[in-house]
Amino acid sequence: MRVTPIRLLLVLTLALSAALAWMWVDEHARLRDVTWVPPAPLAPGFAKSAASAASAPRSNPAQYLTILERPVFAPDRRPPPATAAAAPPDPMANIQLHAIFSGAVAGVIARVDGKLRRVKVNDAIGPWTLKSVDGREATFAQGEETRKVRLAYTRLDTVAAPGAPGGAATTPAASANTGAAMESRQEEARERLRRRNEIRAARGLPPVTE
């Protein structure tokens, strides 16, 4: 008899079906292991867990300090050097007195960090405290250290430039240049006003003054 692939597949299928039937059905023709039997309950072992935790070795905090002292990812295994904190700016380095007043309330008017301040006696400028004013001098103190700042005289041949930082004075030539610049700006403003009024007049509107 010639064996064909179809016949071979049929024989293999019958053999597998017989093997599955033998695995599923017992000798009494009943299905195997179809009834679930619950396992026996187990009591929790809290006492054993507590005993294991108590007997476990404790970690030493000094190990973490060693890691900080010898960083793993540092090329030389050394901690980075500590950077010193930047010192705060000294407000007395650029202070400039503009006026001194006395009487029941004494103090000074000073420019500190580009701003005018009215400082009375016992008021503070940063870590420095105004202790007293005497004539044209103001005394500041910080702990045991004291500094005296003198009110400078203003020369009559100089003119303070408007908006100049620190009340800087300018020479007569600079004052002339400033006056010329101001006159030029005023002339431009007048020209703009004239053109604006011409437009308003063409539209039948009254002129404006500014």
N, C-alpha and C. Protein backbone atom coordinates (compact mmCIF):
# COMPACT_ATOMS: atom_id res chain seq x y z
N MET A 1 0.85 -1.20 0.00
CA MET A 1 0.00 0.00 0.00
C MET A 1 0.88 1.25 0.00
N ARG A 2 0.46 2.16 -0.82
CA ARG A 2 1.24 3.38 -0.95
C ARG A 2 0.86 4.35 0.17
N VAL A 3 1.92 4.91 0.81
CA VAL A 3 1.71 5.88 1.90
C VAL A 3 1.74 7.29 1.30
N THR A 4 0.60 7.95 1.45
CA THR A 4 0.49 9.32 0.94
C THR A 4 0.57 10.30 2.11
N PRO A 5 0.88 11.53 1.84
CA PRO A 5 0.93 12.53 2.94
C PRO A 5 -0.38 12.67 3.68
N ILE A 6 -1.52 12.52 2.98
CA ILE A 6 -2.82 12.67 3.66
C ILE A 6 -3.00 11.54 4.65
N ARG A 7 -2.67 10.35 4.24
CA ARG A 7 -2.81 9.22 5.16
C ARG A 7 -1.87 9.37 6.35
N LEU A 8 -0.67 9.88 6.11
CA LEU A 8 0.28 10.09 7.21
C LEU A 8 -0.26 11.11 8.21
N LEU A 9 -0.88 12.20 7.72
CA LEU A 9 -1.46 13.20 8.59
C LEU A 9 -2.63 12.64 9.39
N LEU A 10 -3.43 11.78 8.77
CA LEU A 10 -4.55 11.17 9.48
C LEU A 10 -4.07 10.27 10.61
N VAL A 11 -3.03 9.51 10.33
CA VAL A 11 -2.48 8.63 11.37
C VAL A 11 -1.90 9.46 12.52
N LEU A 12 -1.20 10.55 12.20
CA LEU A 12 -0.62 11.41 13.24
C LEU A 12 -1.71 12.07 14.06
N THR A 13 -2.81 12.49 13.41
CA THR A 13 -3.92 13.12 14.14
C THR A 13 -4.58 12.14 15.08
N LEU A 14 -4.80 10.89 14.63
CA LEU A 14 -5.40 9.88 15.49
C LEU A 14 -4.50 9.57 16.69
N ALA A 15 -3.18 9.53 16.47
CA ALA A 15 -2.26 9.25 17.58
C ALA A 15 -2.30 10.38 18.60
N LEU A 16 -2.32 11.61 18.14
CA LEU A 16 -2.37 12.74 19.08
C LEU A 16 -3.70 12.77 19.83
N SER A 17 -4.80 12.46 19.13
CA SER A 17 -6.10 12.42 19.80
C SER A 17 -6.13 11.36 20.87
N ALA A 18 -5.53 10.20 20.62
CA ALA A 18 -5.47 9.12 21.62
C ALA A 18 -4.63 9.54 22.81
N ALA A 19 -3.52 10.26 22.56
CA ALA A 19 -2.68 10.70 23.66
C ALA A 19 -3.42 11.72 24.53
N LEU A 20 -4.15 12.65 23.90
CA LEU A 20 -4.92 13.64 24.67
C LEU A 20 -6.03 12.97 25.45
N ALA A 21 -6.69 11.98 24.85
CA ALA A 21 -7.75 11.26 25.57
C ALA A 21 -7.19 10.51 26.76
N TRP A 22 -6.00 9.97 26.61
CA TRP A 22 -5.38 9.25 27.73
C TRP A 22 -5.00 10.23 28.85
N MET A 23 -4.60 11.45 28.51
CA MET A 23 -4.24 12.43 29.51
C MET A 23 -5.47 13.02 30.21
N TRP A 24 -6.60 13.14 29.51
CA TRP A 24 -7.77 13.76 30.08
C TRP A 24 -8.71 12.78 30.79
N VAL A 25 -8.71 11.52 30.35
CA VAL A 25 -9.69 10.54 30.86
C VAL A 25 -8.93 9.41 31.55
N ASP A 26 -9.43 9.02 32.73
CA ASP A 26 -8.80 7.92 33.46
C ASP A 26 -9.37 6.59 33.01
N GLU A 27 -8.98 5.53 33.73
CA GLU A 27 -9.42 4.19 33.35
C GLU A 27 -10.91 3.96 33.57
N HIS A 28 -11.56 4.79 34.37
CA HIS A 28 -13.01 4.67 34.60
C HIS A 28 -13.79 5.61 33.68
N ALA A 29 -13.14 6.15 32.66
CA ALA A 29 -13.76 7.03 31.67
C ALA A 29 -14.29 8.33 32.29
N ARG A 30 -13.57 8.80 33.31
CA ARG A 30 -13.91 10.07 33.93
C ARG A 30 -12.76 11.07 33.69
N LEU A 31 -13.13 12.35 33.58
CA LEU A 31 -12.12 13.37 33.33
C LEU A 31 -11.19 13.48 34.53
N ARG A 32 -9.92 13.69 34.21
CA ARG A 32 -8.91 13.81 35.26
C ARG A 32 -8.84 15.25 35.77
N ASP A 33 -8.60 15.43 37.10
CA ASP A 33 -8.25 16.71 37.73
C ASP A 33 -9.19 17.85 37.31
N VAL A 34 -10.50 17.62 37.43
CA VAL A 34 -11.46 18.66 37.13
C VAL A 34 -12.03 19.29 38.40
N THR A 35 -11.66 18.77 39.56
CA THR A 35 -12.13 19.30 40.84
C THR A 35 -10.97 20.02 41.52
N TRP A 36 -11.21 21.30 41.84
CA TRP A 36 -10.16 22.09 42.49
C TRP A 36 -10.19 21.87 43.99
N VAL A 37 -9.05 21.55 44.54
CA VAL A 37 -8.92 21.33 45.98
C VAL A 37 -8.15 22.50 46.57
N PRO A 38 -8.76 23.30 47.47
CA PRO A 38 -8.04 24.45 48.04
C PRO A 38 -6.87 23.99 48.89
N PRO A 39 -5.76 24.72 48.85
CA PRO A 39 -4.59 24.33 49.65
C PRO A 39 -4.83 24.62 51.13
N ALA A 40 -4.03 24.01 51.93
CA ALA A 40 -4.13 24.22 53.38
C ALA A 40 -3.67 25.63 53.73
N PRO A 41 -4.39 26.33 54.62
CA PRO A 41 -3.99 27.70 54.98
C PRO A 41 -2.67 27.73 55.75
N LEU A 42 -1.92 28.78 55.51
CA LEU A 42 -0.65 28.98 56.20
C LEU A 42 -0.76 30.18 57.14
N ALA A 43 -0.34 30.01 58.36
CA ALA A 43 -0.37 31.10 59.33
C ALA A 43 0.74 32.09 59.03
N PRO A 44 0.48 33.42 59.13
CA PRO A 44 1.54 34.41 58.87
C PRO A 44 2.64 34.33 59.91
N GLY A 45 3.87 34.41 59.42
CA GLY A 45 5.02 34.32 60.33
C GLY A 45 5.56 35.67 60.73
N PHE A 46 4.74 36.48 61.49
CA PHE A 46 5.20 37.80 61.92
C PHE A 46 6.38 37.70 62.88
N ALA A 47 6.33 36.72 63.76
CA ALA A 47 7.41 36.59 64.74
C ALA A 47 8.73 36.29 64.05
N LYS A 48 8.67 35.43 63.02
CA LYS A 48 9.89 35.10 62.31
C LYS A 48 10.43 36.30 61.55
N SER A 49 9.51 37.10 60.94
CA SER A 49 9.96 38.28 60.21
C SER A 49 10.59 39.30 61.15
N ALA A 50 9.99 39.50 62.34
CA ALA A 50 10.56 40.44 63.30
C ALA A 50 11.92 39.97 63.78
N ALA A 51 12.06 38.66 64.01
CA ALA A 51 13.35 38.15 64.46
C ALA A 51 14.41 38.31 63.37
N SER A 52 14.00 38.12 62.10
CA SER A 52 14.97 38.29 61.01
C SER A 52 15.40 39.75 60.89
N ALA A 53 14.43 40.69 61.05
CA ALA A 53 14.78 42.11 60.96
C ALA A 53 15.68 42.53 62.11
N ALA A 54 15.45 41.97 63.30
CA ALA A 54 16.28 42.33 64.46
C ALA A 54 17.68 41.79 64.32
N SER A 55 17.81 40.61 63.70
CA SER A 55 19.13 40.01 63.55
C SER A 55 19.90 40.52 62.34
N ALA A 56 19.25 41.32 61.46
CA ALA A 56 19.93 41.84 60.27
C ALA A 56 20.98 42.86 60.69
N PRO A 57 22.11 42.90 60.03
CA PRO A 57 23.16 43.87 60.40
C PRO A 57 22.71 45.30 60.09
N ARG A 58 22.99 46.21 61.01
CA ARG A 58 22.63 47.61 60.84
C ARG A 58 23.68 48.33 60.00
N SER A 59 23.20 49.31 59.21
CA SER A 59 24.13 50.08 58.38
C SER A 59 24.86 51.11 59.23
N ASN A 60 26.11 51.35 58.85
CA ASN A 60 26.94 52.30 59.56
C ASN A 60 26.88 53.66 58.86
N PRO A 61 26.40 54.73 59.56
CA PRO A 61 26.33 56.05 58.89
C PRO A 61 27.68 56.56 58.42
N ALA A 62 28.77 56.07 59.02
CA ALA A 62 30.08 56.54 58.59
C ALA A 62 30.39 56.14 57.16
N GLN A 63 29.72 55.10 56.65
CA GLN A 63 29.95 54.71 55.26
C GLN A 63 29.51 55.82 54.30
N TYR A 64 28.41 56.49 54.61
CA TYR A 64 27.94 57.57 53.74
C TYR A 64 28.90 58.76 53.78
N LEU A 65 29.50 59.03 54.94
CA LEU A 65 30.49 60.10 55.02
C LEU A 65 31.71 59.78 54.16
N THR A 66 32.07 58.52 54.11
CA THR A 66 33.19 58.11 53.27
C THR A 66 32.89 58.37 51.79
N ILE A 67 31.63 58.12 51.40
CA ILE A 67 31.25 58.35 50.01
C ILE A 67 31.33 59.84 49.68
N LEU A 68 30.92 60.69 50.64
CA LEU A 68 30.99 62.12 50.41
C LEU A 68 32.43 62.61 50.34
N GLU A 69 33.30 62.01 51.16
CA GLU A 69 34.70 62.43 51.16
C GLU A 69 35.44 61.93 49.92
N ARG A 70 35.00 60.83 49.36
CA ARG A 70 35.64 60.28 48.16
C ARG A 70 34.56 60.03 47.11
N PRO A 71 34.13 61.08 46.38
CA PRO A 71 33.07 60.92 45.39
C PRO A 71 33.44 59.89 44.32
N VAL A 72 32.45 59.10 43.96
CA VAL A 72 32.71 58.02 43.02
C VAL A 72 33.00 58.57 41.62
N PHE A 73 32.29 59.62 41.22
CA PHE A 73 32.41 60.10 39.85
C PHE A 73 33.45 61.20 39.69
N ALA A 74 34.15 61.58 40.76
CA ALA A 74 35.22 62.57 40.65
C ALA A 74 36.48 61.90 40.12
N PRO A 75 37.18 62.50 39.15
CA PRO A 75 38.38 61.85 38.60
C PRO A 75 39.45 61.58 39.66
N ASP A 76 39.63 62.51 40.61
CA ASP A 76 40.66 62.31 41.63
C ASP A 76 40.09 61.79 42.94
N ARG A 77 38.78 61.43 42.96
CA ARG A 77 38.13 60.91 44.17
C ARG A 77 38.25 61.87 45.34
N ARG A 78 38.23 63.17 45.05
CA ARG A 78 38.28 64.18 46.10
C ARG A 78 37.08 65.10 45.97
N PRO A 79 36.54 65.57 47.09
CA PRO A 79 35.38 66.47 47.01
C PRO A 79 35.79 67.81 46.41
N PRO A 80 34.86 68.51 45.76
CA PRO A 80 35.19 69.81 45.18
C PRO A 80 35.56 70.80 46.28
N PRO A 81 36.47 71.72 45.99
CA PRO A 81 36.86 72.70 47.02
C PRO A 81 35.70 73.63 47.35
N ALA A 82 35.64 73.99 48.60
CA ALA A 82 34.58 74.89 49.06
C ALA A 82 34.82 76.29 48.52
N THR A 83 33.77 76.88 47.95
CA THR A 83 33.87 78.23 47.40
C THR A 83 33.51 79.25 48.47
N ALA A 84 34.33 80.25 48.59
CA ALA A 84 34.08 81.29 49.59
C ALA A 84 32.93 82.18 49.14
N ALA A 85 32.10 82.55 50.07
CA ALA A 85 30.95 83.41 49.77
C ALA A 85 31.43 84.81 49.38
N ALA A 86 30.83 85.34 48.33
CA ALA A 86 31.22 86.67 47.86
C ALA A 86 30.85 87.72 48.90
N ALA A 87 31.78 88.62 49.15
CA ALA A 87 31.53 89.67 50.14
C ALA A 87 30.51 90.67 49.59
N PRO A 88 29.57 91.10 50.41
CA PRO A 88 28.58 92.08 49.94
C PRO A 88 29.25 93.41 49.61
N PRO A 89 28.71 94.16 48.66
CA PRO A 89 29.33 95.45 48.30
C PRO A 89 29.28 96.42 49.47
N ASP A 90 30.33 97.23 49.58
CA ASP A 90 30.43 98.22 50.65
C ASP A 90 29.70 99.49 50.22
N PRO A 91 28.59 99.86 50.89
CA PRO A 91 27.88 101.08 50.47
C PRO A 91 28.67 102.35 50.71
N MET A 92 29.69 102.30 51.58
CA MET A 92 30.48 103.49 51.85
C MET A 92 31.53 103.74 50.77
N ALA A 93 31.68 102.79 49.84
CA ALA A 93 32.73 102.97 48.82
C ALA A 93 32.35 104.06 47.83
N ASN A 94 31.06 104.24 47.56
CA ASN A 94 30.67 105.23 46.56
C ASN A 94 29.66 106.23 47.12
N ILE A 95 29.65 106.44 48.44
CA ILE A 95 28.71 107.39 49.03
C ILE A 95 29.16 108.81 48.74
N GLN A 96 28.19 109.69 48.53
CA GLN A 96 28.49 111.10 48.25
C GLN A 96 27.46 111.96 48.97
N LEU A 97 27.94 112.84 49.84
CA LEU A 97 27.04 113.71 50.59
C LEU A 97 26.59 114.88 49.72
N HIS A 98 25.28 115.17 49.77
CA HIS A 98 24.72 116.31 49.05
C HIS A 98 24.28 117.42 50.00
N ALA A 99 23.92 117.06 51.24
CA ALA A 99 23.48 118.07 52.20
C ALA A 99 23.56 117.48 53.60
N ILE A 100 23.68 118.38 54.58
CA ILE A 100 23.67 118.00 55.99
C ILE A 100 22.64 118.89 56.69
N PHE A 101 21.75 118.28 57.45
CA PHE A 101 20.77 119.07 58.20
C PHE A 101 20.91 118.74 59.68
N SER A 102 20.64 119.71 60.53
CA SER A 102 20.78 119.55 61.98
C SER A 102 19.57 120.13 62.67
N GLY A 103 19.60 120.08 63.99
CA GLY A 103 18.47 120.54 64.78
C GLY A 103 17.91 119.41 65.61
N ALA A 104 16.58 119.41 65.81
CA ALA A 104 15.96 118.32 66.58
C ALA A 104 16.17 116.99 65.90
N VAL A 105 16.13 117.00 64.59
CA VAL A 105 16.40 115.79 63.79
C VAL A 105 17.57 116.10 62.88
N ALA A 106 18.67 115.44 63.10
CA ALA A 106 19.88 115.68 62.31
C ALA A 106 20.11 114.50 61.38
N GLY A 107 20.78 114.78 60.29
CA GLY A 107 21.09 113.73 59.34
C GLY A 107 21.73 114.29 58.10
N VAL A 108 21.75 113.47 57.06
CA VAL A 108 22.38 113.87 55.80
C VAL A 108 21.48 113.44 54.65
N ILE A 109 21.70 114.07 53.52
CA ILE A 109 21.12 113.62 52.25
C ILE A 109 22.30 113.15 51.41
N ALA A 110 22.32 111.87 51.12
CA ALA A 110 23.48 111.27 50.46
C ALA A 110 23.03 110.46 49.26
N ARG A 111 23.94 110.34 48.31
CA ARG A 111 23.71 109.48 47.15
C ARG A 111 24.44 108.17 47.40
N VAL A 112 23.67 107.09 47.47
CA VAL A 112 24.21 105.75 47.72
C VAL A 112 23.77 104.84 46.59
N ASP A 113 24.73 104.24 45.92
CA ASP A 113 24.45 103.35 44.78
C ASP A 113 23.59 104.05 43.73
N GLY A 114 23.85 105.33 43.50
CA GLY A 114 23.15 106.06 42.46
C GLY A 114 21.79 106.59 42.86
N LYS A 115 21.38 106.45 44.12
CA LYS A 115 20.07 106.91 44.57
C LYS A 115 20.24 107.86 45.74
N LEU A 116 19.46 108.95 45.73
CA LEU A 116 19.47 109.89 46.84
C LEU A 116 18.66 109.34 48.00
N ARG A 117 19.25 109.45 49.20
CA ARG A 117 18.59 108.96 50.41
C ARG A 117 18.69 110.01 51.50
N ARG A 118 17.64 110.10 52.29
CA ARG A 118 17.65 110.97 53.47
C ARG A 118 17.91 110.08 54.67
N VAL A 119 19.07 110.23 55.26
CA VAL A 119 19.52 109.37 56.35
C VAL A 119 19.60 110.20 57.62
N LYS A 120 18.83 109.81 58.61
CA LYS A 120 18.88 110.49 59.90
C LYS A 120 19.89 109.80 60.83
N VAL A 121 20.25 110.48 61.89
CA VAL A 121 21.17 109.90 62.87
C VAL A 121 20.55 108.62 63.42
N ASN A 122 21.39 107.57 63.52
CA ASN A 122 21.02 106.22 63.96
C ASN A 122 20.31 105.42 62.87
N ASP A 123 20.16 105.99 61.66
CA ASP A 123 19.69 105.19 60.53
C ASP A 123 20.86 104.44 59.92
N ALA A 124 20.56 103.33 59.26
CA ALA A 124 21.62 102.47 58.73
C ALA A 124 21.66 102.54 57.21
N ILE A 125 22.87 102.46 56.69
CA ILE A 125 23.13 102.28 55.26
C ILE A 125 23.91 100.97 55.14
N GLY A 126 23.18 99.90 54.87
CA GLY A 126 23.83 98.60 54.89
C GLY A 126 24.27 98.27 56.31
N PRO A 127 25.52 97.83 56.50
CA PRO A 127 25.99 97.56 57.85
C PRO A 127 26.46 98.79 58.61
N TRP A 128 26.46 99.96 57.96
CA TRP A 128 26.96 101.18 58.57
C TRP A 128 25.81 102.00 59.13
N THR A 129 26.04 102.63 60.29
CA THR A 129 25.04 103.45 60.97
C THR A 129 25.56 104.87 61.11
N LEU A 130 24.71 105.84 60.76
CA LEU A 130 25.07 107.25 60.93
C LEU A 130 25.01 107.59 62.43
N LYS A 131 26.18 107.90 62.98
CA LYS A 131 26.25 108.16 64.41
C LYS A 131 26.10 109.64 64.75
N SER A 132 26.69 110.52 63.96
CA SER A 132 26.63 111.95 64.29
C SER A 132 26.99 112.77 63.07
N VAL A 133 26.60 114.06 63.14
CA VAL A 133 27.00 115.04 62.13
C VAL A 133 27.64 116.21 62.87
N ASP A 134 28.75 116.68 62.37
CA ASP A 134 29.49 117.77 63.02
C ASP A 134 30.00 118.69 61.92
N GLY A 135 29.36 119.85 61.81
CA GLY A 135 29.78 120.77 60.77
C GLY A 135 29.51 120.20 59.40
N ARG A 136 30.56 119.99 58.64
CA ARG A 136 30.43 119.44 57.29
C ARG A 136 30.84 117.97 57.23
N GLU A 137 30.93 117.31 58.38
CA GLU A 137 31.36 115.92 58.44
C GLU A 137 30.25 115.06 59.03
N ALA A 138 30.10 113.85 58.48
CA ALA A 138 29.17 112.85 58.99
C ALA A 138 29.98 111.63 59.39
N THR A 139 29.70 111.09 60.56
CA THR A 139 30.44 109.94 61.09
C THR A 139 29.56 108.71 61.03
N PHE A 140 30.07 107.68 60.36
CA PHE A 140 29.40 106.39 60.25
C PHE A 140 30.19 105.37 61.05
N ALA A 141 29.50 104.38 61.62
CA ALA A 141 30.17 103.37 62.43
C ALA A 141 29.64 101.99 62.08
N GLN A 142 30.53 101.03 62.14
CA GLN A 142 30.19 99.61 61.99
C GLN A 142 30.98 98.85 63.04
N GLY A 143 30.34 98.50 64.15
CA GLY A 143 31.07 97.89 65.25
C GLY A 143 32.06 98.88 65.84
N GLU A 144 33.33 98.50 65.87
CA GLU A 144 34.38 99.38 66.38
C GLU A 144 34.97 100.28 65.31
N GLU A 145 34.63 100.04 64.05
CA GLU A 145 35.20 100.82 62.96
C GLU A 145 34.33 102.03 62.67
N THR A 146 34.97 103.17 62.43
CA THR A 146 34.25 104.40 62.11
C THR A 146 34.83 105.00 60.83
N ARG A 147 33.97 105.70 60.09
CA ARG A 147 34.39 106.40 58.89
C ARG A 147 33.74 107.77 58.88
N LYS A 148 34.49 108.76 58.42
CA LYS A 148 33.98 110.12 58.33
C LYS A 148 33.91 110.52 56.86
N VAL A 149 32.75 111.04 56.49
CA VAL A 149 32.53 111.49 55.12
C VAL A 149 32.28 113.00 55.18
N ARG A 150 33.00 113.75 54.38
CA ARG A 150 32.93 115.20 54.41
C ARG A 150 32.10 115.72 53.24
N LEU A 151 31.27 116.71 53.52
CA LEU A 151 30.49 117.36 52.48
C LEU A 151 31.39 118.30 51.70
N ALA A 152 31.58 118.05 50.44
CA ALA A 152 32.50 118.83 49.60
C ALA A 152 31.83 120.13 49.17
N TYR A 153 32.67 121.15 48.99
CA TYR A 153 32.18 122.44 48.48
C TYR A 153 31.89 122.32 46.98
N THR A 154 30.90 123.06 46.52
CA THR A 154 30.55 123.09 45.11
C THR A 154 31.17 124.31 44.46
N ARG A 155 31.91 124.11 43.37
CA ARG A 155 32.54 125.22 42.65
C ARG A 155 31.49 125.96 41.83
N LEU A 156 31.61 127.28 41.84
CA LEU A 156 30.63 128.09 41.13
C LEU A 156 30.85 128.10 39.62
N ASP A 157 32.05 127.70 39.15
CA ASP A 157 32.31 127.72 37.72
C ASP A 157 31.94 126.40 37.05
N THR A 158 31.26 125.55 37.76
CA THR A 158 30.80 124.29 37.18
C THR A 158 29.31 124.20 37.36
N VAL A 159 28.66 123.52 36.45
CA VAL A 159 27.22 123.35 36.48
C VAL A 159 26.92 121.87 36.47
N ALA A 160 26.03 121.46 37.36
CA ALA A 160 25.67 120.05 37.42
C ALA A 160 24.86 119.67 36.20
N ALA A 161 25.27 118.65 35.50
CA ALA A 161 24.56 118.20 34.30
C ALA A 161 23.28 117.52 34.70
N PRO A 162 22.15 117.85 34.05
CA PRO A 162 20.88 117.20 34.40
C PRO A 162 20.96 115.71 34.16
N GLY A 163 20.58 114.90 35.18
CA GLY A 163 20.56 113.45 35.04
C GLY A 163 21.92 112.80 35.08
N ALA A 164 22.99 113.56 35.37
CA ALA A 164 24.31 112.94 35.42
C ALA A 164 24.43 112.10 36.67
N PRO A 165 24.95 110.87 36.59
CA PRO A 165 25.06 110.01 37.77
C PRO A 165 26.02 110.60 38.78
N GLY A 166 25.57 110.53 40.07
CA GLY A 166 26.44 111.01 41.14
C GLY A 166 26.53 112.51 41.19
N GLY A 167 25.63 113.22 40.49
CA GLY A 167 25.70 114.68 40.52
C GLY A 167 26.99 115.21 39.94
N ALA A 168 27.50 114.57 38.86
CA ALA A 168 28.78 114.97 38.30
C ALA A 168 28.69 116.37 37.72
N ALA A 169 29.72 117.18 37.90
CA ALA A 169 29.75 118.56 37.41
C ALA A 169 30.36 118.61 36.03
N THR A 170 29.93 119.61 35.23
CA THR A 170 30.47 119.79 33.89
C THR A 170 31.07 121.17 33.78
N THR A 171 31.93 121.32 32.82
CA THR A 171 32.61 122.59 32.57
C THR A 171 31.69 123.51 31.77
N PRO A 172 32.03 124.84 31.67
CA PRO A 172 31.19 125.74 30.87
C PRO A 172 31.04 125.30 29.43
N ALA A 173 32.07 124.70 28.84
CA ALA A 173 31.95 124.23 27.46
C ALA A 173 30.91 123.13 27.36
N ALA A 174 30.96 122.22 28.32
CA ALA A 174 29.97 121.14 28.31
C ALA A 174 28.58 121.68 28.53
N SER A 175 28.46 122.73 29.38
CA SER A 175 27.16 123.34 29.62
C SER A 175 26.63 123.98 28.34
N ALA A 176 27.52 124.62 27.57
CA ALA A 176 27.10 125.21 26.30
C ALA A 176 26.60 124.15 25.34
N ASN A 177 27.29 123.02 25.28
CA ASN A 177 26.85 121.93 24.40
C ASN A 177 25.49 121.40 24.84
N THR A 178 25.30 121.28 26.17
CA THR A 178 24.02 120.81 26.67
C THR A 178 22.90 121.78 26.32
N GLY A 179 23.18 123.12 26.46
CA GLY A 179 22.18 124.11 26.10
C GLY A 179 21.83 124.07 24.63
N ALA A 180 22.84 123.86 23.76
CA ALA A 180 22.58 123.79 22.33
C ALA A 180 21.72 122.57 21.99
N ALA A 181 21.98 121.45 22.66
CA ALA A 181 21.19 120.25 22.41
C ALA A 181 19.75 120.45 22.84
N MET A 182 19.54 121.12 24.00
CA MET A 182 18.19 121.37 24.48
C MET A 182 17.45 122.32 23.52
N GLU A 183 18.14 123.34 23.01
CA GLU A 183 17.52 124.27 22.07
C GLU A 183 17.13 123.57 20.77
N SER A 184 17.99 122.64 20.33
CA SER A 184 17.68 121.90 19.11
C SER A 184 16.44 121.03 19.30
N ARG A 185 16.32 120.40 20.48
CA ARG A 185 15.15 119.57 20.74
C ARG A 185 13.88 120.43 20.81
N GLN A 186 13.99 121.63 21.40
CA GLN A 186 12.82 122.51 21.46
C GLN A 186 12.40 122.96 20.06
N GLU A 187 13.37 123.25 19.19
CA GLU A 187 13.05 123.66 17.83
C GLU A 187 12.35 122.53 17.08
N GLU A 188 12.80 121.30 17.27
CA GLU A 188 12.15 120.16 16.63
C GLU A 188 10.72 120.00 17.13
N ALA A 189 10.52 120.22 18.45
CA ALA A 189 9.17 120.11 18.99
C ALA A 189 8.26 121.18 18.39
N ARG A 190 8.77 122.42 18.23
CA ARG A 190 7.97 123.49 17.63
C ARG A 190 7.62 123.17 16.18
N GLU A 191 8.56 122.59 15.44
CA GLU A 191 8.30 122.24 14.05
C GLU A 191 7.22 121.15 13.95
N ARG A 192 7.28 120.15 14.85
CA ARG A 192 6.26 119.10 14.84
C ARG A 192 4.88 119.69 15.17
N LEU A 193 4.85 120.64 16.13
CA LEU A 193 3.57 121.27 16.48
C LEU A 193 3.01 122.08 15.31
N ARG A 194 3.90 122.78 14.57
CA ARG A 194 3.45 123.57 13.42
C ARG A 194 2.83 122.67 12.35
N ARG A 195 3.49 121.54 12.06
CA ARG A 195 2.95 120.62 11.06
C ARG A 195 1.62 120.02 11.51
N ARG A 196 1.53 119.73 12.79
CA ARG A 196 0.28 119.17 13.30
C ARG A 196 -0.87 120.17 13.16
N ASN A 197 -0.60 121.44 13.46
CA ASN A 197 -1.65 122.45 13.33
C ASN A 197 -2.03 122.68 11.88
N GLU A 198 -1.09 122.56 10.94
CA GLU A 198 -1.42 122.68 9.53
C GLU A 198 -2.39 121.58 9.10
N ILE A 199 -2.16 120.37 9.59
CA ILE A 199 -3.06 119.26 9.24
C ILE A 199 -4.44 119.48 9.85
N ARG A 200 -4.46 119.95 11.11
CA ARG A 200 -5.74 120.20 11.76
C ARG A 200 -6.49 121.33 11.07
N ALA A 201 -5.75 122.37 10.63
CA ALA A 201 -6.43 123.47 9.92
C ALA A 201 -7.03 122.99 8.61
N ALA A 202 -6.35 122.08 7.89
CA ALA A 202 -6.90 121.55 6.64
C ALA A 202 -8.16 120.74 6.88
N ARG A 203 -8.30 120.17 8.06
CA ARG A 203 -9.50 119.40 8.39
C ARG A 203 -10.57 120.24 9.08
N GLY A 204 -10.30 121.54 9.25
CA GLY A 204 -11.27 122.41 9.88
C GLY A 204 -11.28 122.31 11.38
N LEU A 205 -10.19 121.86 12.00
CA LEU A 205 -10.10 121.72 13.45
C LEU A 205 -9.31 122.90 14.02
N PRO A 206 -9.57 123.24 15.28
CA PRO A 206 -8.82 124.35 15.88
C PRO A 206 -7.38 123.92 16.19
N PRO A 207 -6.45 124.85 16.25
CA PRO A 207 -5.04 124.52 16.55
C PRO A 207 -4.88 124.13 18.02
N VAL A 208 -3.78 123.40 18.24
CA VAL A 208 -3.43 123.00 19.61
C VAL A 208 -2.11 123.69 19.98
N THR A 209 -1.90 123.78 21.28
CA THR A 209 -0.70 124.45 21.76
C THR A 209 0.39 123.50 22.21
N GLU A 210 0.06 122.22 22.35
CA GLU A 210 1.10 121.26 22.80
C GLU A 210 0.76 119.89 22.30
